[in-house]
Amino acid sequence: MPVLSEERVIAYLGRCLELCRALVPLLGAQGTREVSGDVREKFDQLVADLEGERIKDSYLDTESWNWIWKGKQSYNHLQVYGRLAWINLQLFDLL
């Protein structure tokens, strides 16, 4: 059963935290506004990179991740923050 290395998991956790730090100051004033620009690009890239890791870690290939892989056409700041929190929690389970 292949698994992601601890270093890879920690790198993904770092990316999640970086995005969370960018989002937190915006939640109060822009929480329900659509995310765009750099934050959206980084979030999409994080999800794409994690999805690419599915062949390296069977945990990422479970049904519980399907809602992340399916995604949405647009997200508001609160939705992205919530997804990041969920991803962060799931990544901790890989350590």
N, C-alpha and C. Protein backbone atom coordinates (compact mmCIF):
# COMPACT_ATOMS: atom_id res chain seq x y z
N MET A 1 0.85 -1.18 0.00
CA MET A 1 0.00 0.00 0.00
C MET A 1 0.90 1.25 0.00
N PRO A 2 0.90 1.97 -1.08
CA PRO A 2 1.75 3.17 -1.15
C PRO A 2 1.21 4.29 -0.26
N VAL A 3 2.12 5.06 0.30
CA VAL A 3 1.74 6.21 1.13
C VAL A 3 2.64 7.39 0.80
N LEU A 4 2.13 8.58 1.05
CA LEU A 4 2.93 9.79 0.88
C LEU A 4 3.95 9.89 2.00
N SER A 5 5.10 10.39 1.67
CA SER A 5 6.12 10.57 2.71
C SER A 5 5.69 11.68 3.67
N GLU A 6 6.24 11.62 4.86
CA GLU A 6 5.94 12.64 5.86
C GLU A 6 6.32 14.03 5.34
N GLU A 7 7.41 14.12 4.62
CA GLU A 7 7.85 15.41 4.07
C GLU A 7 6.82 15.98 3.10
N ARG A 8 6.25 15.10 2.26
CA ARG A 8 5.24 15.56 1.28
C ARG A 8 3.98 16.02 2.02
N VAL A 9 3.57 15.26 3.01
CA VAL A 9 2.36 15.63 3.76
C VAL A 9 2.59 16.98 4.45
N ILE A 10 3.73 17.16 5.06
CA ILE A 10 4.02 18.42 5.74
C ILE A 10 4.07 19.58 4.75
N ALA A 11 4.59 19.33 3.56
CA ALA A 11 4.61 20.38 2.53
C ALA A 11 3.18 20.77 2.14
N TYR A 12 2.30 19.78 2.02
CA TYR A 12 0.90 20.09 1.71
C TYR A 12 0.23 20.84 2.86
N LEU A 13 0.54 20.44 4.08
CA LEU A 13 0.00 21.16 5.25
C LEU A 13 0.46 22.62 5.22
N GLY A 14 1.72 22.85 4.87
CA GLY A 14 2.24 24.21 4.77
C GLY A 14 1.49 25.03 3.73
N ARG A 15 1.18 24.42 2.61
CA ARG A 15 0.43 25.12 1.57
C ARG A 15 -0.98 25.46 2.05
N CYS A 16 -1.60 24.53 2.76
CA CYS A 16 -2.94 24.79 3.33
C CYS A 16 -2.89 25.98 4.29
N LEU A 17 -1.90 25.97 5.17
CA LEU A 17 -1.79 27.04 6.15
C LEU A 17 -1.50 28.39 5.49
N GLU A 18 -0.69 28.38 4.45
CA GLU A 18 -0.41 29.61 3.72
C GLU A 18 -1.69 30.20 3.13
N LEU A 19 -2.51 29.35 2.54
CA LEU A 19 -3.77 29.83 1.98
C LEU A 19 -4.73 30.29 3.08
N CYS A 20 -4.76 29.57 4.19
CA CYS A 20 -5.61 29.98 5.31
C CYS A 20 -5.20 31.36 5.83
N ARG A 21 -3.90 31.58 5.95
CA ARG A 21 -3.41 32.89 6.41
C ARG A 21 -3.84 34.00 5.46
N ALA A 22 -3.90 33.71 4.18
CA ALA A 22 -4.33 34.71 3.20
C ALA A 22 -5.84 34.96 3.30
N LEU A 23 -6.59 33.94 3.65
CA LEU A 23 -8.04 34.05 3.69
C LEU A 23 -8.60 34.64 4.97
N VAL A 24 -8.02 34.32 6.10
CA VAL A 24 -8.59 34.73 7.40
C VAL A 24 -8.89 36.24 7.46
N PRO A 25 -7.97 37.11 7.05
CA PRO A 25 -8.28 38.54 7.15
C PRO A 25 -9.43 38.98 6.24
N LEU A 26 -9.76 38.16 5.26
CA LEU A 26 -10.82 38.52 4.30
C LEU A 26 -12.19 37.98 4.69
N LEU A 27 -12.25 37.05 5.62
CA LEU A 27 -13.51 36.37 5.91
C LEU A 27 -14.60 37.31 6.41
N GLY A 28 -14.25 38.25 7.27
CA GLY A 28 -15.26 39.15 7.82
C GLY A 28 -15.91 40.04 6.78
N ALA A 29 -15.12 40.66 5.96
CA ALA A 29 -15.63 41.63 4.99
C ALA A 29 -16.01 41.00 3.65
N GLN A 30 -15.36 39.89 3.29
CA GLN A 30 -15.57 39.33 1.96
C GLN A 30 -15.95 37.86 1.98
N GLY A 31 -16.36 37.36 3.12
CA GLY A 31 -16.62 35.94 3.28
C GLY A 31 -17.52 35.32 2.23
N THR A 32 -18.58 36.02 1.84
CA THR A 32 -19.52 35.46 0.88
C THR A 32 -19.24 35.91 -0.55
N ARG A 33 -18.17 36.65 -0.74
CA ARG A 33 -17.80 37.07 -2.10
C ARG A 33 -16.96 35.99 -2.76
N GLU A 34 -17.07 35.94 -4.06
CA GLU A 34 -16.34 34.92 -4.83
C GLU A 34 -14.83 35.12 -4.72
N VAL A 35 -14.14 34.01 -4.55
CA VAL A 35 -12.67 34.02 -4.52
C VAL A 35 -12.17 34.03 -5.95
N SER A 36 -11.18 34.86 -6.18
CA SER A 36 -10.57 34.90 -7.51
C SER A 36 -9.09 35.19 -7.35
N GLY A 37 -8.42 35.31 -8.45
CA GLY A 37 -7.02 35.70 -8.45
C GLY A 37 -6.10 34.65 -7.87
N ASP A 38 -5.09 35.12 -7.18
CA ASP A 38 -4.00 34.29 -6.68
C ASP A 38 -4.49 33.23 -5.69
N VAL A 39 -5.39 33.60 -4.81
CA VAL A 39 -5.88 32.63 -3.81
C VAL A 39 -6.62 31.50 -4.52
N ARG A 40 -7.45 31.81 -5.47
CA ARG A 40 -8.19 30.78 -6.20
C ARG A 40 -7.22 29.89 -6.97
N GLU A 41 -6.25 30.49 -7.62
CA GLU A 41 -5.26 29.71 -8.38
C GLU A 41 -4.48 28.77 -7.47
N LYS A 42 -4.05 29.27 -6.32
CA LYS A 42 -3.29 28.44 -5.39
C LYS A 42 -4.15 27.31 -4.82
N PHE A 43 -5.42 27.61 -4.54
CA PHE A 43 -6.32 26.57 -4.04
C PHE A 43 -6.53 25.50 -5.10
N ASP A 44 -6.82 25.92 -6.32
CA ASP A 44 -7.02 24.96 -7.41
C ASP A 44 -5.77 24.11 -7.63
N GLN A 45 -4.61 24.72 -7.54
CA GLN A 45 -3.36 23.98 -7.75
C GLN A 45 -3.12 22.99 -6.62
N LEU A 46 -3.43 23.40 -5.38
CA LEU A 46 -3.30 22.49 -4.25
C LEU A 46 -4.18 21.26 -4.44
N VAL A 47 -5.44 21.48 -4.81
CA VAL A 47 -6.37 20.36 -5.01
C VAL A 47 -5.88 19.49 -6.17
N ALA A 48 -5.44 20.09 -7.25
CA ALA A 48 -4.95 19.32 -8.40
C ALA A 48 -3.72 18.49 -8.02
N ASP A 49 -2.82 19.09 -7.25
CA ASP A 49 -1.62 18.36 -6.83
C ASP A 49 -1.97 17.20 -5.91
N LEU A 50 -2.88 17.43 -4.99
CA LEU A 50 -3.31 16.35 -4.10
C LEU A 50 -4.02 15.25 -4.89
N GLU A 51 -4.84 15.65 -5.84
CA GLU A 51 -5.53 14.65 -6.65
C GLU A 51 -4.52 13.81 -7.43
N GLY A 52 -3.45 14.43 -7.87
CA GLY A 52 -2.40 13.69 -8.56
C GLY A 52 -1.69 12.69 -7.66
N GLU A 53 -1.76 12.90 -6.37
CA GLU A 53 -1.11 12.00 -5.40
C GLU A 53 -1.96 10.77 -5.10
N ARG A 54 -3.15 10.72 -5.65
CA ARG A 54 -4.05 9.60 -5.35
C ARG A 54 -3.42 8.25 -5.66
N ILE A 55 -2.60 8.19 -6.69
CA ILE A 55 -1.97 6.92 -7.03
C ILE A 55 -0.86 6.56 -6.05
N LYS A 56 -0.39 7.56 -5.28
CA LYS A 56 0.69 7.32 -4.33
C LYS A 56 0.18 7.06 -2.92
N ASP A 57 -1.09 7.34 -2.67
CA ASP A 57 -1.63 7.12 -1.33
C ASP A 57 -3.11 6.76 -1.46
N SER A 58 -3.43 5.53 -1.10
CA SER A 58 -4.80 5.05 -1.26
C SER A 58 -5.80 5.83 -0.39
N TYR A 59 -5.33 6.45 0.69
CA TYR A 59 -6.22 7.24 1.54
C TYR A 59 -6.85 8.40 0.75
N LEU A 60 -6.08 8.96 -0.16
CA LEU A 60 -6.59 10.07 -0.98
C LEU A 60 -7.58 9.60 -2.03
N ASP A 61 -7.67 8.30 -2.21
CA ASP A 61 -8.55 7.74 -3.23
C ASP A 61 -9.85 7.20 -2.64
N THR A 62 -10.10 7.49 -1.38
CA THR A 62 -11.35 7.03 -0.77
C THR A 62 -12.50 7.94 -1.18
N GLU A 63 -13.70 7.44 -1.02
CA GLU A 63 -14.89 8.20 -1.41
C GLU A 63 -15.04 9.51 -0.65
N SER A 64 -14.48 9.58 0.55
CA SER A 64 -14.63 10.79 1.36
C SER A 64 -14.01 12.02 0.68
N TRP A 65 -13.07 11.80 -0.23
CA TRP A 65 -12.42 12.91 -0.94
C TRP A 65 -13.17 13.34 -2.20
N ASN A 66 -14.15 12.59 -2.63
CA ASN A 66 -14.80 12.87 -3.92
C ASN A 66 -15.35 14.30 -4.01
N TRP A 67 -15.88 14.82 -2.95
CA TRP A 67 -16.44 16.18 -3.01
C TRP A 67 -15.34 17.22 -3.22
N ILE A 68 -14.13 16.93 -2.80
CA ILE A 68 -13.02 17.83 -3.05
C ILE A 68 -12.58 17.71 -4.51
N TRP A 69 -12.46 16.48 -5.02
CA TRP A 69 -12.02 16.28 -6.40
C TRP A 69 -13.06 16.82 -7.38
N LYS A 70 -14.33 16.67 -7.06
CA LYS A 70 -15.39 17.14 -7.96
C LYS A 70 -15.34 18.66 -8.08
N GLY A 71 -15.18 19.34 -6.96
CA GLY A 71 -15.07 20.79 -6.96
C GLY A 71 -16.31 21.52 -7.43
N LYS A 72 -16.16 22.82 -7.55
CA LYS A 72 -17.24 23.70 -8.00
C LYS A 72 -16.64 24.72 -8.96
N GLN A 73 -17.51 25.31 -9.74
CA GLN A 73 -17.05 26.32 -10.69
C GLN A 73 -16.61 27.59 -9.97
N SER A 74 -17.31 27.94 -8.91
CA SER A 74 -16.92 29.13 -8.14
C SER A 74 -17.08 28.83 -6.66
N TYR A 75 -16.27 29.53 -5.87
CA TYR A 75 -16.28 29.41 -4.42
C TYR A 75 -16.26 30.80 -3.81
N ASN A 76 -16.88 30.94 -2.65
CA ASN A 76 -16.66 32.17 -1.90
C ASN A 76 -15.55 31.91 -0.88
N HIS A 77 -15.12 32.96 -0.21
CA HIS A 77 -13.99 32.85 0.71
C HIS A 77 -14.26 31.84 1.84
N LEU A 78 -15.48 31.84 2.36
CA LEU A 78 -15.82 30.90 3.44
C LEU A 78 -15.77 29.46 2.96
N GLN A 79 -16.22 29.20 1.75
CA GLN A 79 -16.20 27.84 1.22
C GLN A 79 -14.76 27.34 1.03
N VAL A 80 -13.91 28.19 0.52
CA VAL A 80 -12.51 27.79 0.34
C VAL A 80 -11.87 27.54 1.69
N TYR A 81 -12.12 28.43 2.65
CA TYR A 81 -11.54 28.25 3.98
C TYR A 81 -12.02 26.94 4.59
N GLY A 82 -13.29 26.64 4.46
CA GLY A 82 -13.84 25.38 4.98
C GLY A 82 -13.22 24.16 4.33
N ARG A 83 -13.04 24.21 3.02
CA ARG A 83 -12.41 23.10 2.32
C ARG A 83 -10.95 22.94 2.75
N LEU A 84 -10.28 24.04 2.93
CA LEU A 84 -8.89 23.97 3.40
C LEU A 84 -8.81 23.37 4.80
N ALA A 85 -9.75 23.73 5.66
CA ALA A 85 -9.78 23.17 7.02
C ALA A 85 -9.99 21.66 6.95
N TRP A 86 -10.89 21.22 6.08
CA TRP A 86 -11.15 19.79 5.94
C TRP A 86 -9.91 19.07 5.40
N ILE A 87 -9.29 19.63 4.36
CA ILE A 87 -8.09 19.04 3.79
C ILE A 87 -6.99 18.96 4.85
N ASN A 88 -6.84 20.04 5.60
CA ASN A 88 -5.83 20.07 6.65
C ASN A 88 -6.04 18.93 7.65
N LEU A 89 -7.26 18.75 8.09
CA LEU A 89 -7.58 17.68 9.03
C LEU A 89 -7.28 16.30 8.43
N GLN A 90 -7.62 16.13 7.18
CA GLN A 90 -7.37 14.84 6.52
C GLN A 90 -5.87 14.57 6.36
N LEU A 91 -5.12 15.62 6.08
CA LEU A 91 -3.67 15.46 5.94
C LEU A 91 -3.03 15.06 7.27
N PHE A 92 -3.56 15.58 8.37
CA PHE A 92 -3.03 15.19 9.68
C PHE A 92 -3.22 13.69 9.91
N ASP A 93 -4.28 13.13 9.37
CA ASP A 93 -4.50 11.69 9.49
C ASP A 93 -3.45 10.89 8.74
N LEU A 94 -2.79 11.50 7.77
CA LEU A 94 -1.76 10.80 7.02
C LEU A 94 -0.42 10.77 7.74
N LEU A 95 -0.27 11.59 8.76
CA LEU A 95 1.02 11.62 9.49
C LEU A 95 1.12 10.45 10.47
